[in-house]
N, C-alpha and C. Protein backbone atom coordinates (compact mmCIF):
# COMPACT_ATOMS: atom_id res chain seq x y z
N MET A 1 0.53 -1.35 0.44
CA MET A 1 0.06 -0.08 0.00
C MET A 1 0.87 1.78 0.07
N SER A 2 2.22 0.76 0.11
CA SER A 2 2.89 2.34 0.09
C SER A 2 3.70 2.85 -0.75
N LEU A 3 3.79 2.07 -2.12
CA LEU A 3 3.81 2.23 -3.61
C LEU A 3 2.93 2.87 -4.56
N ASP A 4 1.75 4.11 -3.38
CA ASP A 4 1.63 5.10 -3.78
C ASP A 4 2.62 6.90 -3.62
N VAL A 5 3.49 6.55 -3.02
CA VAL A 5 4.63 7.46 -3.22
C VAL A 5 5.46 7.92 -4.26
N PHE A 6 5.40 6.97 -5.40
CA PHE A 6 6.01 6.51 -6.40
C PHE A 6 4.91 7.23 -7.64
N SER A 7 3.44 8.05 -7.58
CA SER A 7 2.87 8.35 -7.98
C SER A 7 3.37 9.56 -8.36
N SER A 8 3.45 10.20 -7.29
CA SER A 8 3.23 11.75 -7.39
C SER A 8 4.99 12.18 -8.30
N GLU A 9 5.29 13.60 -8.10
CA GLU A 9 6.81 13.91 -8.33
C GLU A 9 7.10 14.18 -7.10
N LEU A 10 8.36 13.21 -6.63
CA LEU A 10 8.72 13.42 -5.31
C LEU A 10 9.87 13.38 -5.77
N SER A 11 10.96 13.98 -5.23
CA SER A 11 12.66 13.96 -5.40
C SER A 11 13.19 12.32 -4.34
N PHE A 12 13.98 11.61 -4.76
CA PHE A 12 14.43 10.88 -4.24
C PHE A 12 14.78 10.12 -3.11
N TRP A 13 14.70 11.86 -1.72
CA TRP A 13 14.91 11.95 -0.40
C TRP A 13 13.84 12.13 -0.05
N GLN A 14 12.65 12.84 -0.85
CA GLN A 14 11.05 12.61 -0.71
C GLN A 14 10.28 11.64 -1.15
N THR A 15 10.62 10.85 -2.18
CA THR A 15 10.38 9.42 -2.08
C THR A 15 10.43 7.86 -1.07
N VAL A 16 11.90 8.43 -0.38
CA VAL A 16 12.58 7.73 0.37
C VAL A 16 11.64 7.75 2.16
N VAL A 17 11.32 9.32 2.32
CA VAL A 17 10.96 9.77 3.77
C VAL A 17 9.31 9.50 3.27
N GLY A 18 8.74 9.25 2.14
CA GLY A 18 7.64 8.77 2.14
C GLY A 18 7.74 6.84 2.35
N LEU A 19 8.29 6.54 1.91
CA LEU A 19 7.65 5.39 1.91
C LEU A 19 8.28 4.47 3.47
N LEU A 20 9.61 5.50 4.48
CA LEU A 20 9.44 4.92 5.50
C LEU A 20 8.04 6.10 6.52
N MET A 21 7.63 6.67 6.43
CA MET A 21 6.46 6.99 6.60
C MET A 21 5.36 6.35 6.69
N HIS A 22 5.17 5.77 5.04
CA HIS A 22 4.15 4.66 4.76
C HIS A 22 4.31 3.16 5.96
N ASN A 23 5.40 3.19 6.36
CA ASN A 23 6.01 1.65 6.33
C ASN A 23 6.22 1.85 8.01
N ILE A 24 6.20 2.55 9.00
CA ILE A 24 6.27 2.89 9.85
C ILE A 24 5.31 1.80 10.83
N PRO A 25 4.26 1.70 10.70
CA PRO A 25 2.77 0.84 11.41
C PRO A 25 3.69 -1.04 10.75
N THR A 26 3.49 -0.93 9.44
CA THR A 26 4.56 -2.05 9.60
C THR A 26 5.79 -2.57 9.72
N LEU A 27 6.75 -2.18 10.06
CA LEU A 27 8.24 -1.98 10.93
C LEU A 27 8.12 -2.21 12.11
N VAL A 28 6.71 -1.44 13.49
CA VAL A 28 6.46 -1.72 14.22
C VAL A 28 5.77 -3.44 14.61
N LEU A 29 5.14 -3.26 13.60
CA LEU A 29 4.33 -4.77 13.77
C LEU A 29 5.25 -6.00 13.59
N LEU A 30 6.09 -5.73 13.04
CA LEU A 30 7.12 -6.99 12.20
C LEU A 30 8.27 -6.61 13.58
N VAL A 31 7.80 -6.23 14.66
CA VAL A 31 9.63 -6.15 16.00
C VAL A 31 8.31 -6.78 16.41
N VAL A 32 6.84 -6.40 16.66
CA VAL A 32 6.29 -7.05 17.76
C VAL A 32 6.33 -8.62 17.50
N LEU A 33 5.94 -9.00 15.72
CA LEU A 33 6.05 -10.48 15.45
C LEU A 33 7.16 -11.18 15.96
N LEU A 34 8.65 -10.69 15.83
CA LEU A 34 9.90 -10.95 16.10
C LEU A 34 9.87 -11.64 18.00
N ILE A 35 9.41 -10.48 18.42
CA ILE A 35 9.83 -10.75 19.86
C ILE A 35 7.97 -12.23 20.07
N SER A 36 6.92 -11.48 19.17
CA SER A 36 5.68 -12.42 19.46
C SER A 36 6.86 -14.29 19.47
N TRP A 37 6.95 -15.08 18.50
CA TRP A 37 7.98 -15.85 17.96
C TRP A 37 8.54 -16.69 19.79
N LYS A 38 9.03 -15.74 20.40
CA LYS A 38 9.56 -15.85 22.07
C LYS A 38 8.95 -16.36 23.18
N TYR A 39 7.63 -15.19 22.61
CA TYR A 39 6.41 -14.84 23.86
C TYR A 39 4.79 -14.90 23.13
N GLU A 40 4.07 -15.64 23.07
CA GLU A 40 3.20 -16.01 22.53
C GLU A 40 2.14 -14.84 23.28
N ILE A 41 2.23 -14.80 24.16
CA ILE A 41 0.47 -13.43 24.80
C ILE A 41 1.33 -12.36 24.60
N VAL A 42 2.58 -11.70 24.47
CA VAL A 42 2.66 -10.96 23.72
C VAL A 42 2.03 -10.52 22.18
N GLY A 43 2.08 -11.57 21.63
CA GLY A 43 1.73 -11.35 19.83
C GLY A 43 0.26 -11.35 20.20
N GLY A 44 -0.11 -12.36 21.43
CA GLY A 44 -1.70 -12.23 21.63
C GLY A 44 -2.05 -10.83 21.71
N ILE A 45 -1.44 -10.03 22.50
CA ILE A 45 -2.16 -8.95 23.54
C ILE A 45 -1.63 -8.09 22.23
N ALA A 46 -0.73 -8.06 21.73
CA ALA A 46 -0.57 -6.30 20.87
C ALA A 46 -0.72 -6.78 19.40
N PHE A 47 -1.56 -7.79 19.14
CA PHE A 47 -1.90 -8.12 18.01
C PHE A 47 -3.26 -7.40 18.10
N ILE A 48 -4.41 -7.93 19.48
CA ILE A 48 -5.81 -7.37 18.79
C ILE A 48 -5.71 -6.16 19.83
N LEU A 49 -4.64 -5.44 20.21
CA LEU A 49 -5.17 -3.90 20.35
C LEU A 49 -4.07 -3.32 19.56
N ALA A 50 -3.45 -3.87 18.05
CA ALA A 50 -3.08 -3.19 16.86
C ALA A 50 -4.56 -3.48 15.99
N GLY A 51 -5.59 -4.16 16.21
CA GLY A 51 -7.03 -4.60 15.32
C GLY A 51 -7.81 -3.27 16.44
N LEU A 52 -8.20 -3.46 17.68
CA LEU A 52 -8.71 -2.12 18.33
C LEU A 52 -7.91 -0.65 17.93
N LEU A 53 -6.75 -0.42 18.01
CA LEU A 53 -6.61 0.92 17.51
C LEU A 53 -6.65 1.10 16.04
N TYR A 54 -6.81 0.01 15.30
CA TYR A 54 -7.16 0.27 14.25
C TYR A 54 -8.80 1.31 14.07
N ILE A 55 -9.40 0.08 14.54
CA ILE A 55 -10.49 0.77 14.93
C ILE A 55 -11.08 1.97 15.14
N VAL A 56 -10.46 2.39 17.01
CA VAL A 56 -10.44 3.25 17.13
C VAL A 56 -10.13 4.83 15.79
N VAL A 57 -9.32 4.83 15.14
CA VAL A 57 -8.60 5.81 14.73
C VAL A 57 -9.11 5.68 12.67
N LEU A 58 -10.09 4.36 12.98
CA LEU A 58 -10.66 5.06 12.00
C LEU A 58 -12.04 5.70 12.27
N MET A 59 -12.90 4.97 13.46
CA MET A 59 -14.13 5.66 13.59
C MET A 59 -13.72 7.39 14.36
N ARG A 60 -12.42 7.48 14.27
CA ARG A 60 -12.80 9.49 14.49
C ARG A 60 -13.02 9.94 13.57
N ASN A 61 -13.28 9.54 11.72
CA ASN A 61 -13.90 10.17 10.88
C ASN A 61 -15.14 9.85 10.76
N PRO A 62 -16.30 10.98 9.77
CA PRO A 62 -17.63 10.56 9.64
C PRO A 62 -17.60 8.77 9.23
N PHE A 63 -19.37 8.15 9.94
CA PHE A 63 -19.23 6.91 9.51
C PHE A 63 -19.49 6.64 8.13
N GLU A 64 -19.03 5.96 7.17
CA GLU A 64 -19.59 5.45 5.77
C GLU A 64 -19.31 4.02 5.85
N TRP A 65 -20.09 3.36 4.85
CA TRP A 65 -20.57 2.23 4.95
C TRP A 65 -19.63 1.09 4.15
N TYR A 66 -18.66 1.93 3.40
CA TYR A 66 -17.81 0.68 3.38
C TYR A 66 -16.31 1.29 4.16
N MET A 67 -16.22 1.65 5.35
CA MET A 67 -15.40 1.67 6.47
C MET A 67 -16.03 0.68 7.37
N LEU A 68 -16.78 -0.57 6.91
CA LEU A 68 -16.97 -1.92 7.17
C LEU A 68 -16.29 -3.19 6.63
N SER A 69 -15.66 -2.49 5.39
CA SER A 69 -14.60 -3.54 5.03
C SER A 69 -13.61 -3.49 4.52
N TRP A 70 -12.99 -2.15 5.24
CA TRP A 70 -11.46 -1.86 5.69
C TRP A 70 -11.43 -2.60 7.45
N VAL A 71 -12.19 -2.29 7.95
CA VAL A 71 -12.31 -2.78 9.12
C VAL A 71 -12.25 -4.23 9.24
N ILE A 72 -12.84 -4.99 8.66
CA ILE A 72 -13.00 -6.56 8.92
C ILE A 72 -11.35 -7.12 7.77
N GLN A 73 -10.78 -6.53 7.10
CA GLN A 73 -9.76 -6.56 6.23
C GLN A 73 -8.39 -7.15 6.87
N ILE A 74 -8.59 -5.81 7.79
CA ILE A 74 -7.16 -5.12 8.48
C ILE A 74 -7.17 -5.42 9.88
N SER A 75 -8.37 -5.25 10.66
CA SER A 75 -8.75 -5.44 12.06
C SER A 75 -9.13 -6.96 12.14
N GLY A 76 -9.97 -7.68 11.31
CA GLY A 76 -10.08 -9.13 11.50
C GLY A 76 -8.90 -9.76 11.07
N VAL A 77 -7.73 -9.20 10.17
CA VAL A 77 -6.71 -10.34 10.26
C VAL A 77 -5.81 -10.24 11.59
N ALA A 78 -5.67 -8.85 12.09
CA ALA A 78 -4.40 -8.52 13.11
C ALA A 78 -5.56 -9.36 14.56
N PHE A 79 -7.06 -9.32 14.41
CA PHE A 79 -7.59 -10.22 15.68
C PHE A 79 -7.12 -11.75 15.60
N SER A 80 -7.05 -12.06 13.64
CA SER A 80 -7.19 -13.81 14.12
C SER A 80 -5.50 -14.02 14.16
N ILE A 81 -4.61 -13.03 13.97
CA ILE A 81 -2.95 -13.42 14.53
C ILE A 81 -3.15 -13.31 15.84
N GLY A 82 -4.00 -12.36 16.57
CA GLY A 82 -4.11 -12.28 18.34
C GLY A 82 -4.18 -13.87 18.44
N ILE A 83 -5.53 -14.12 18.18
CA ILE A 83 -6.02 -15.41 19.01
C ILE A 83 -5.10 -16.95 18.87
N LEU A 84 -5.01 -16.59 17.27
CA LEU A 84 -4.03 -17.49 16.84
C LEU A 84 -2.69 -17.63 17.78
N PHE A 85 -2.34 -16.46 18.33
CA PHE A 85 -1.01 -16.23 19.03
C PHE A 85 -1.30 -16.92 20.93
N PHE A 86 -3.12 -16.35 21.11
CA PHE A 86 -3.56 -17.11 22.69
C PHE A 86 -3.60 -18.88 22.47
N ILE A 87 -4.33 -19.21 21.57
CA ILE A 87 -4.50 -20.47 21.40
C ILE A 87 -2.84 -21.53 21.39
N ASN A 88 -1.33 -20.87 21.12
CA ASN A 88 -0.71 -21.23 21.23
C ASN A 88 0.01 -20.72 22.56
N TRP A 89 -0.15 -19.88 22.82
CA TRP A 89 0.06 -19.90 24.60
C TRP A 89 -0.30 -21.12 25.62
N PHE A 90 -1.96 -21.12 25.01
CA PHE A 90 -2.58 -21.92 26.19
C PHE A 90 -2.10 -23.04 25.96
N LYS A 91 -2.33 -23.63 24.81
CA LYS A 91 -1.41 -24.46 24.35
C LYS A 91 -0.13 -25.04 25.02
N LYS A 92 0.51 -24.22 25.39
CA LYS A 92 2.40 -24.02 25.91
C LYS A 92 1.97 -24.32 27.01
N LYS A 93 0.96 -24.08 28.04
CA LYS A 93 0.99 -23.53 28.91
C LYS A 93 0.49 -24.84 30.01
N LYS A 94 -0.08 -25.71 28.91
CA LYS A 94 -0.63 -27.03 29.50
C LYS A 94 0.81 -28.03 29.99
């Protein structure tokens, strides 16, 4: 989704900064994922909180029906990953 920075007439360094800014959430989730491979509870909590945070940020705008598809696609995946981490954590606990 960050490839839209290439469509505008930006200099090289503006494009680099644009790519970095667009990929900050991805990099944060990558770090959380690396930590979660060792500690599943961190992944369960973090991914569910990331899904909730996305919903809260999205709902700051006036509601439109097409936003529901965004919530399902982005938050649904985050919730699914968080639930899978919790399931793995519960199974390892036993």
